[in-house]
Amino acid sequence: MKKLLIIFFILILSSFAQAKDPPKKYLDENYVFKHSKFIKWPEKTGSWGKIETHGRIAPNPWNLRYETKIVRDGKYSLRFEMRDGDCHRRDCDRSNKAGRSEVIFEGNYPSSAKGHIGNVWYAWSMYIPEGTNHIRPAYTILGQFKMPSDYTKQLNRVNSSGFDEDCPEIPIVFKLEREGFTIEKDGVLQCEGYGRELIIPTKALHNKWHDFLMNVNWTDKEDGFIDLWINDKLVYQSKGKTFGKLLKRKKDGKKNGT
């Protein structure tokens, strides 16, 4: 069976002094991570919050594994792999036959935050082996930052198919394209356009660790910003709103984003 995608990455965390080994079952090469379940990570995850498997993660042992041989720091990394035909639940019904190996970081911020979360720093590392390339006509997403669930539930942010790729509840997306590793900055108003920039060219991408450091001011105000460094080099900057806000419609009292 042809392999389509292999990704390695590890979070760079502030302290390894209190690191604990994960459950032994995670290290079994035949273990299958169940969907919509929290998984334990050896170090504190800081701003990332808890780690949860996606509700439609493909249900095979190779899709998500703890890796001990290719690590950036500490003893473990998370290993993601997709093969032809891998999918689960509604993903299998999509016209593009999309599938995913995905975990969710719920974010460590107040649940009462509306329209403003504030200044947050993120750090992670990623290793992409030789042979992992972009896939057309499908798309290869290697990371995304989504708005809180209050935003994604708004009807005018979801297209008629029931999926949300066309609307802006994913303000930051990292993709693998023909030219290399890119960042996409989505608009935060209803279904407005986006901008894309190349941040790691293909010739410099594979068989090495890349260290990411990102500073975001999450706000619906114009003083929002995104600053991204890769391997200690500033590679991307954006200024302006980083997500939308919630408003009540007079007609039925429901909340909508603008």
C-alpha atoms as a PDB file:
ATOM      1  CA  MET A   1       0.000   0.000   0.000  1.00  0.00           C
ATOM      2  CA  LYS A   2       1.400   3.344  -0.996  1.00  0.00           C
ATOM      3  CA  LYS A   3       2.284   5.715   1.842  1.00  0.00           C
ATOM      4  CA  LEU A   4       0.985   9.230   1.334  1.00  0.00           C
ATOM      5  CA  LEU A   5       2.059  11.183   4.361  1.00  0.00           C
ATOM      6  CA  ILE A   6       4.401  10.836   7.305  1.00  0.00           C
ATOM      7  CA  ILE A   7       4.907  13.658   9.761  1.00  0.00           C
ATOM      8  CA  PHE A   8       6.898  13.794  12.965  1.00  0.00           C
ATOM      9  CA  PHE A   9       6.612  16.536  15.510  1.00  0.00           C
ATOM     10  CA  ILE A  10       7.226  17.249  19.175  1.00  0.00           C
ATOM     11  CA  LEU A  11       6.220  20.143  21.356  1.00  0.00           C
ATOM     12  CA  ILE A  12       9.047  22.194  22.799  1.00  0.00           C
ATOM     13  CA  LEU A  13       8.047  22.738  26.392  1.00  0.00           C
ATOM     14  CA  SER A  14       9.321  24.832  29.242  1.00  0.00           C
ATOM     15  CA  SER A  15      10.250  22.056  31.637  1.00  0.00           C
ATOM     16  CA  PHE A  16      11.344  18.437  31.341  1.00  0.00           C
ATOM     17  CA  ALA A  17      12.152  18.082  35.040  1.00  0.00           C
ATOM     18  CA  GLN A  18       8.705  16.654  35.803  1.00  0.00           C
ATOM     19  CA  ALA A  19       8.419  14.544  32.659  1.00  0.00           C
ATOM     20  CA  LYS A  20       6.769  11.154  33.101  1.00  0.00           C
ATOM     21  CA  ASP A  21       6.745   8.185  30.777  1.00  0.00           C
ATOM     22  CA  PRO A  22       3.467   7.680  28.889  1.00  0.00           C
ATOM     23  CA  PRO A  23       1.312   4.580  29.415  1.00  0.00           C
ATOM     24  CA  LYS A  24       3.102   1.512  28.048  1.00  0.00           C
ATOM     25  CA  LYS A  25       0.220   0.771  25.685  1.00  0.00           C
ATOM     26  CA  TYR A  26       1.059   3.968  23.745  1.00  0.00           C
ATOM     27  CA  LEU A  27       4.413   2.422  22.800  1.00  0.00           C
ATOM     28  CA  ASP A  28       2.874  -0.747  21.369  1.00  0.00           C
ATOM     29  CA  GLU A  29       3.182  -0.518  17.573  1.00  0.00           C
ATOM     30  CA  ASN A  30      -0.229  -2.179  17.230  1.00  0.00           C
ATOM     31  CA  TYR A  31      -2.039   0.182  19.591  1.00  0.00           C
ATOM     32  CA  VAL A  32      -4.879   2.189  18.037  1.00  0.00           C
ATOM     33  CA  PHE A  33      -5.704   5.557  19.581  1.00  0.00           C
ATOM     34  CA  LYS A  34      -9.470   5.874  19.978  1.00  0.00           C
ATOM     35  CA  HIS A  35     -11.261   8.906  18.558  1.00  0.00           C
ATOM     36  CA  SER A  36     -12.296  11.869  20.752  1.00  0.00           C
ATOM     37  CA  LYS A  37     -10.153  10.770  23.698  1.00  0.00           C
ATOM     38  CA  PHE A  38      -7.599  12.725  25.693  1.00  0.00           C
ATOM     39  CA  ILE A  39      -4.084  11.313  25.516  1.00  0.00           C
ATOM     40  CA  LYS A  40      -1.286  11.795  28.006  1.00  0.00           C
ATOM     41  CA  TRP A  41       1.876  13.671  27.079  1.00  0.00           C
ATOM     42  CA  PRO A  42       5.004  13.287  29.284  1.00  0.00           C
ATOM     43  CA  GLU A  43       5.600  17.016  29.795  1.00  0.00           C
ATOM     44  CA  LYS A  44       3.407  19.948  30.740  1.00  0.00           C
ATOM     45  CA  THR A  45       1.758  21.399  27.652  1.00  0.00           C
ATOM     46  CA  GLY A  46       1.422  25.030  28.782  1.00  0.00           C
ATOM     47  CA  SER A  47      -0.570  27.233  26.388  1.00  0.00           C
ATOM     48  CA  TRP A  48      -1.448  24.256  24.209  1.00  0.00           C
ATOM     49  CA  GLY A  49      -3.757  22.736  26.810  1.00  0.00           C
ATOM     50  CA  LYS A  50      -4.869  19.107  26.791  1.00  0.00           C
ATOM     51  CA  ILE A  51      -4.312  16.811  23.797  1.00  0.00           C
ATOM     52  CA  GLU A  52      -7.343  15.039  22.337  1.00  0.00           C
ATOM     53  CA  THR A  53      -7.673  12.755  19.326  1.00  0.00           C
ATOM     54  CA  HIS A  54      -9.958  14.045  16.578  1.00  0.00           C
ATOM     55  CA  GLY A  55     -13.421  12.508  16.282  1.00  0.00           C
ATOM     56  CA  ARG A  56     -12.648  11.337  12.738  1.00  0.00           C
ATOM     57  CA  ILE A  57      -9.036  10.207  13.136  1.00  0.00           C
ATOM     58  CA  ALA A  58      -8.342   7.197  10.900  1.00  0.00           C
ATOM     59  CA  PRO A  59      -8.494   4.026  13.074  1.00  0.00           C
ATOM     60  CA  ASN A  60      -5.227   2.262  12.251  1.00  0.00           C
ATOM     61  CA  PRO A  61      -2.132   1.739  14.412  1.00  0.00           C
ATOM     62  CA  TRP A  62       0.119   3.592  11.967  1.00  0.00           C
ATOM     63  CA  ASN A  63      -2.023   6.746  11.850  1.00  0.00           C
ATOM     64  CA  LEU A  64      -0.874   8.041  15.254  1.00  0.00           C
ATOM     65  CA  ARG A  65       1.998   6.685  17.316  1.00  0.00           C
ATOM     66  CA  TYR A  66       4.455   7.673  19.989  1.00  0.00           C
ATOM     67  CA  GLU A  67       7.910   7.770  18.388  1.00  0.00           C
ATOM     68  CA  THR A  68      11.133   7.068  20.309  1.00  0.00           C
ATOM     69  CA  LYS A  69      13.762   7.004  17.532  1.00  0.00           C
ATOM     70  CA  ILE A  70      13.192  10.361  15.844  1.00  0.00           C
ATOM     71  CA  VAL A  71      12.900  12.955  18.603  1.00  0.00           C
ATOM     72  CA  ARG A  72      13.861  16.594  18.893  1.00  0.00           C
ATOM     73  CA  ASP A  73      14.106  16.876  22.673  1.00  0.00           C
ATOM     74  CA  GLY A  74      13.125  14.614  25.517  1.00  0.00           C
ATOM     75  CA  LYS A  75      12.314  10.952  24.809  1.00  0.00           C
ATOM     76  CA  TYR A  76       9.250  11.057  22.563  1.00  0.00           C
ATOM     77  CA  SER A  77       7.613  12.650  19.561  1.00  0.00           C
ATOM     78  CA  LEU A  78       4.189  12.140  18.018  1.00  0.00           C
ATOM     79  CA  ARG A  79       4.276  10.368  14.674  1.00  0.00           C
ATOM     80  CA  PHE A  80       1.523  10.841  12.074  1.00  0.00           C
ATOM     81  CA  GLU A  81       1.085   8.697   8.964  1.00  0.00           C
ATOM     82  CA  MET A  82      -1.592   8.468   6.297  1.00  0.00           C
ATOM     83  CA  ARG A  83      -1.924   5.767   3.637  1.00  0.00           C
ATOM     84  CA  ASP A  84      -4.169   5.374   0.610  1.00  0.00           C
ATOM     85  CA  GLY A  85      -7.773   4.927   1.664  1.00  0.00           C
ATOM     86  CA  ASP A  86      -7.325   5.896   5.319  1.00  0.00           C
ATOM     87  CA  CYS A  87     -10.428   7.691   6.598  1.00  0.00           C
ATOM     88  CA  HIS A  88     -13.107   7.438   9.275  1.00  0.00           C
ATOM     89  CA  ARG A  89     -16.775   8.298   9.664  1.00  0.00           C
ATOM     90  CA  ARG A  90     -17.978  11.346   7.677  1.00  0.00           C
ATOM     91  CA  ASP A  91     -14.557  11.897   6.130  1.00  0.00           C
ATOM     92  CA  CYS A  92     -15.099   8.741   4.069  1.00  0.00           C
ATOM     93  CA  ASP A  93     -18.229  10.283   2.519  1.00  0.00           C
ATOM     94  CA  ARG A  94     -16.521  13.426   1.292  1.00  0.00           C
ATOM     95  CA  SER A  95     -16.158  13.862  -2.446  1.00  0.00           C
ATOM     96  CA  ASN A  96     -12.378  14.197  -2.138  1.00  0.00           C
ATOM     97  CA  LYS A  97     -12.152  11.059   0.053  1.00  0.00           C
ATOM     98  CA  ALA A  98     -10.263  13.028   2.663  1.00  0.00           C
ATOM     99  CA  GLY A  99      -8.827  11.376   5.732  1.00  0.00           C
ATOM    100  CA  ARG A 100      -6.909  12.558   8.737  1.00  0.00           C
ATOM    101  CA  SER A 101      -4.452  11.671  11.445  1.00  0.00           C
ATOM    102  CA  GLU A 102      -5.118  14.535  13.823  1.00  0.00           C
ATOM    103  CA  VAL A 103      -5.016  15.585  17.437  1.00  0.00           C
ATOM    104  CA  ILE A 104      -6.605  18.668  18.967  1.00  0.00           C
ATOM    105  CA  PHE A 105      -5.029  21.006  21.502  1.00  0.00           C
ATOM    106  CA  GLU A 106      -7.940  22.615  23.291  1.00  0.00           C
ATOM    107  CA  GLY A 107      -5.940  25.665  24.396  1.00  0.00           C
ATOM    108  CA  ASN A 108      -5.392  26.916  27.914  1.00  0.00           C
ATOM    109  CA  TYR A 109      -7.410  30.139  28.028  1.00  0.00           C
ATOM    110  CA  PRO A 110     -10.498  31.325  29.932  1.00  0.00           C
ATOM    111  CA  SER A 111     -13.731  29.776  28.662  1.00  0.00           C
ATOM    112  CA  SER A 112     -15.413  33.164  29.132  1.00  0.00           C
ATOM    113  CA  ALA A 113     -13.167  34.847  26.555  1.00  0.00           C
ATOM    114  CA  LYS A 114     -15.282  36.491  23.857  1.00  0.00           C
ATOM    115  CA  GLY A 115     -13.617  38.485  21.112  1.00  0.00           C
ATOM    116  CA  HIS A 116     -10.287  38.679  22.931  1.00  0.00           C
ATOM    117  CA  ILE A 117      -7.966  35.976  24.259  1.00  0.00           C
ATOM    118  CA  GLY A 118      -4.817  38.070  24.154  1.00  0.00           C
ATOM    119  CA  ASN A 119      -1.123  37.489  23.642  1.00  0.00           C
ATOM    120  CA  VAL A 120      -0.124  33.815  23.427  1.00  0.00           C
ATOM    121  CA  TRP A 121       3.202  32.151  22.614  1.00  0.00           C
ATOM    122  CA  TYR A 122       3.427  28.718  20.958  1.00  0.00           C
ATOM    123  CA  ALA A 123       6.494  26.538  20.386  1.00  0.00           C
ATOM    124  CA  TRP A 124       6.756  23.237  18.530  1.00  0.00           C
ATOM    125  CA  SER A 125       9.096  21.315  16.255  1.00  0.00           C
ATOM    126  CA  MET A 126       8.344  19.341  13.117  1.00  0.00           C
ATOM    127  CA  TYR A 127      10.255  16.723  11.145  1.00  0.00           C
ATOM    128  CA  ILE A 128       9.124  15.836   7.618  1.00  0.00           C
ATOM    129  CA  PRO A 129      10.954  12.864   6.065  1.00  0.00           C
ATOM    130  CA  GLU A 130      11.997  12.576   2.443  1.00  0.00           C
ATOM    131  CA  GLY A 131       9.161  11.255   0.309  1.00  0.00           C
ATOM    132  CA  THR A 132       6.467  13.252   2.079  1.00  0.00           C
ATOM    133  CA  ASN A 133       5.181  15.658  -0.550  1.00  0.00           C
ATOM    134  CA  HIS A 134       2.059  17.626  -1.370  1.00  0.00           C
ATOM    135  CA  ILE A 135      -0.920  15.725  -2.762  1.00  0.00           C
ATOM    136  CA  ARG A 136      -3.157  16.978  -5.560  1.00  0.00           C
ATOM    137  CA  PRO A 137      -6.080  17.363  -5.975  1.00  0.00           C
ATOM    138  CA  ALA A 138      -6.238  16.812  -2.228  1.00  0.00           C
ATOM    139  CA  TYR A 139      -4.556  19.187   0.194  1.00  0.00           C
ATOM    140  CA  THR A 140      -2.070  18.352   2.929  1.00  0.00           C
ATOM    141  CA  ILE A 141      -2.617  20.294   6.151  1.00  0.00           C
ATOM    142  CA  LEU A 142       0.192  20.060   8.692  1.00  0.00           C
ATOM    143  CA  GLY A 143      -1.342  22.257  11.366  1.00  0.00           C
ATOM    144  CA  GLN A 144      -4.147  24.730  11.939  1.00  0.00           C
ATOM    145  CA  PHE A 145      -5.335  27.149  14.587  1.00  0.00           C
ATOM    146  CA  LYS A 146      -9.128  27.295  14.821  1.00  0.00           C
ATOM    147  CA  MET A 147     -11.475  29.699  16.523  1.00  0.00           C
ATOM    148  CA  PRO A 148     -13.169  28.499  19.750  1.00  0.00           C
ATOM    149  CA  SER A 149     -16.234  26.302  19.283  1.00  0.00           C
ATOM    150  CA  ASP A 150     -18.614  29.220  19.897  1.00  0.00           C
ATOM    151  CA  TYR A 151     -17.461  30.630  16.556  1.00  0.00           C
ATOM    152  CA  THR A 152     -17.486  27.402  14.580  1.00  0.00           C
ATOM    153  CA  LYS A 153     -21.107  26.700  15.510  1.00  0.00           C
ATOM    154  CA  GLN A 154     -22.309  29.835  13.752  1.00  0.00           C
ATOM    155  CA  LEU A 155     -24.340  28.885  10.693  1.00  0.00           C
ATOM    156  CA  ASN A 156     -23.035  31.624   8.440  1.00  0.00           C
ATOM    157  CA  ARG A 157     -19.497  30.264   8.859  1.00  0.00           C
ATOM    158  CA  VAL A 158     -20.335  26.814   7.476  1.00  0.00           C
ATOM    159  CA  ASN A 159     -20.894  26.073   3.811  1.00  0.00           C
ATOM    160  CA  SER A 160     -23.848  24.143   2.433  1.00  0.00           C
ATOM    161  CA  SER A 161     -21.972  20.828   2.445  1.00  0.00           C
ATOM    162  CA  GLY A 162     -21.768  20.888   6.229  1.00  0.00           C
ATOM    163  CA  PHE A 163     -18.010  21.331   6.189  1.00  0.00           C
ATOM    164  CA  ASP A 164     -16.167  24.533   6.923  1.00  0.00           C
ATOM    165  CA  GLU A 165     -13.189  24.761   4.572  1.00  0.00           C
ATOM    166  CA  ASP A 166     -14.671  27.747   2.741  1.00  0.00           C
ATOM    167  CA  CYS A 167     -15.247  29.952   5.777  1.00  0.00           C
ATOM    168  CA  PRO A 168     -12.878  31.651   8.173  1.00  0.00           C
ATOM    169  CA  GLU A 169     -13.017  29.787  11.446  1.00  0.00           C
ATOM    170  CA  ILE A 170      -9.475  28.571  10.776  1.00  0.00           C
ATOM    171  CA  PRO A 171      -7.463  31.825  10.788  1.00  0.00           C
ATOM    172  CA  ILE A 172      -4.024  30.147  10.559  1.00  0.00           C
ATOM    173  CA  VAL A 173      -3.285  27.078   8.430  1.00  0.00           C
ATOM    174  CA  PHE A 174       0.026  25.372   7.616  1.00  0.00           C
ATOM    175  CA  LYS A 175       0.086  23.356   4.384  1.00  0.00           C
ATOM    176  CA  LEU A 176       2.470  21.323   2.293  1.00  0.00           C
ATOM    177  CA  GLU A 177       2.453  22.641  -1.281  1.00  0.00           C
ATOM    178  CA  ARG A 178       4.507  21.967  -4.398  1.00  0.00           C
ATOM    179  CA  GLU A 179       6.847  24.834  -3.545  1.00  0.00           C
ATOM    180  CA  GLY A 180       7.226  23.803   0.103  1.00  0.00           C
ATOM    181  CA  PHE A 181       5.773  24.532   3.536  1.00  0.00           C
ATOM    182  CA  THR A 182       3.327  27.447   3.583  1.00  0.00           C
ATOM    183  CA  ILE A 183       1.286  29.500   6.022  1.00  0.00           C
ATOM    184  CA  GLU A 184      -2.207  30.733   5.155  1.00  0.00           C
ATOM    185  CA  LYS A 185      -3.789  33.637   7.012  1.00  0.00           C
ATOM    186  CA  ASP A 186      -7.558  33.531   6.633  1.00  0.00           C
ATOM    187  CA  GLY A 187      -9.835  36.505   6.929  1.00  0.00           C
ATOM    188  CA  VAL A 188     -11.914  36.813  10.080  1.00  0.00           C
ATOM    189  CA  LEU A 189     -15.033  38.314   8.538  1.00  0.00           C
ATOM    190  CA  GLN A 190     -17.644  36.128   6.920  1.00  0.00           C
ATOM    191  CA  CYS A 191     -15.997  34.124   4.120  1.00  0.00           C
ATOM    192  CA  GLU A 192     -13.481  36.756   3.072  1.00  0.00           C
ATOM    193  CA  GLY A 193     -10.239  35.924   1.294  1.00  0.00           C
ATOM    194  CA  TYR A 194      -6.912  34.696   2.558  1.00  0.00           C
ATOM    195  CA  GLY A 195      -3.213  35.184   1.956  1.00  0.00           C
ATOM    196  CA  ARG A 196      -0.540  32.508   1.589  1.00  0.00           C
ATOM    197  CA  GLU A 197       3.240  32.732   1.989  1.00  0.00           C
ATOM    198  CA  LEU A 198       6.043  30.221   1.550  1.00  0.00           C
ATOM    199  CA  ILE A 199       7.999  29.823   4.798  1.00  0.00           C
ATOM    200  CA  ILE A 200      10.180  26.747   4.093  1.00  0.00           C
ATOM    201  CA  PRO A 201      11.080  25.917   0.470  1.00  0.00           C
ATOM    202  CA  THR A 202      11.003  22.255  -0.551  1.00  0.00           C
ATOM    203  CA  LYS A 203      14.780  22.069  -0.978  1.00  0.00           C
ATOM    204  CA  ALA A 204      15.271  22.931   2.714  1.00  0.00           C
ATOM    205  CA  LEU A 205      12.327  20.989   4.140  1.00  0.00           C
ATOM    206  CA  HIS A 206      13.008  17.275   4.491  1.00  0.00           C
ATOM    207  CA  ASN A 207      14.957  15.031   6.874  1.00  0.00           C
ATOM    208  CA  LYS A 208      15.610  17.689   9.489  1.00  0.00           C
ATOM    209  CA  TRP A 209      13.913  19.207  12.494  1.00  0.00           C
ATOM    210  CA  HIS A 210      12.381  22.656  12.170  1.00  0.00           C
ATOM    211  CA  ASP A 211      11.764  24.654  15.346  1.00  0.00           C
ATOM    212  CA  PHE A 212       8.698  26.921  15.307  1.00  0.00           C
ATOM    213  CA  LEU A 213       8.051  29.835  17.648  1.00  0.00           C
ATOM    214  CA  MET A 214       4.849  31.807  17.125  1.00  0.00           C
ATOM    215  CA  ASN A 215       3.458  34.825  18.974  1.00  0.00           C
ATOM    216  CA  VAL A 216      -0.208  35.698  18.354  1.00  0.00           C
ATOM    217  CA  ASN A 217      -2.440  38.394  19.770  1.00  0.00           C
ATOM    218  CA  TRP A 218      -5.841  36.707  19.455  1.00  0.00           C
ATOM    219  CA  THR A 219      -8.363  39.517  19.191  1.00  0.00           C
ATOM    220  CA  ASP A 220     -11.142  40.945  17.042  1.00  0.00           C
ATOM    221  CA  LYS A 221      -9.433  44.358  17.227  1.00  0.00           C
ATOM    222  CA  GLU A 222      -7.031  45.844  14.710  1.00  0.00           C
ATOM    223  CA  ASP A 223      -4.086  45.518  17.120  1.00  0.00           C
ATOM    224  CA  GLY A 224      -3.975  41.772  16.542  1.00  0.00           C
ATOM    225  CA  PHE A 225      -0.794  40.289  15.086  1.00  0.00           C
ATOM    226  CA  ILE A 226       1.018  37.079  14.159  1.00  0.00           C
ATOM    227  CA  ASP A 227       4.814  36.777  14.369  1.00  0.00           C
ATOM    228  CA  LEU A 228       6.422  33.481  13.348  1.00  0.00           C
ATOM    229  CA  TRP A 229      10.040  32.366  13.684  1.00  0.00           C
ATOM    230  CA  ILE A 230      11.436  29.142  12.238  1.00  0.00           C
ATOM    231  CA  ASN A 231      14.887  28.001  13.331  1.00  0.00           C
ATOM    232  CA  ASP A 232      15.444  31.376  15.057  1.00  0.00           C
ATOM    233  CA  LYS A 233      14.645  33.348  11.890  1.00  0.00           C
ATOM    234  CA  LEU A 234      11.619  35.657  11.597  1.00  0.00           C
ATOM    235  CA  VAL A 235       9.786  34.333   8.519  1.00  0.00           C
ATOM    236  CA  TYR A 236       6.275  35.761   8.736  1.00  0.00           C
ATOM    237  CA  GLN A 237       4.421  38.759  10.158  1.00  0.00           C
ATOM    238  CA  SER A 238       0.788  39.804   9.922  1.00  0.00           C
ATOM    239  CA  LYS A 239      -1.133  42.620  11.589  1.00  0.00           C
ATOM    240  CA  GLY A 240      -4.873  43.061  12.133  1.00  0.00           C
ATOM    241  CA  LYS A 241      -7.773  41.037  13.485  1.00  0.00           C
ATOM    242  CA  THR A 242      -6.967  37.412  14.211  1.00  0.00           C
ATOM    243  CA  PHE A 243     -10.526  36.199  14.802  1.00  0.00           C
ATOM    244  CA  GLY A 244     -14.109  37.455  14.652  1.00  0.00           C
ATOM    245  CA  LYS A 245     -16.476  38.422  17.430  1.00  0.00           C
ATOM    246  CA  LEU A 246     -19.917  37.219  18.445  1.00  0.00           C
ATOM    247  CA  LEU A 247     -23.042  39.336  18.005  1.00  0.00           C
ATOM    248  CA  LYS A 248     -26.713  38.677  18.704  1.00  0.00           C
ATOM    249  CA  ARG A 249     -29.136  38.970  15.811  1.00  0.00           C
ATOM    250  CA  LYS A 250     -32.217  40.986  16.717  1.00  0.00           C
ATOM    251  CA  LYS A 251     -34.528  38.612  14.869  1.00  0.00           C
ATOM    252  CA  ASP A 252     -34.026  35.467  16.916  1.00  0.00           C
ATOM    253  CA  GLY A 253     -31.402  36.306  19.519  1.00  0.00           C
ATOM    254  CA  LYS A 254     -28.918  33.807  18.112  1.00  0.00           C
ATOM    255  CA  LYS A 255     -25.261  34.698  18.031  1.00  0.00           C
ATOM    256  CA  ASN A 256     -23.482  35.338  14.765  1.00  0.00           C
ATOM    257  CA  GLY A 257     -19.940  36.330  13.930  1.00  0.00           C
ATOM    258  CA  THR A 258     -18.949  39.411  11.987  1.00  0.00           C
END
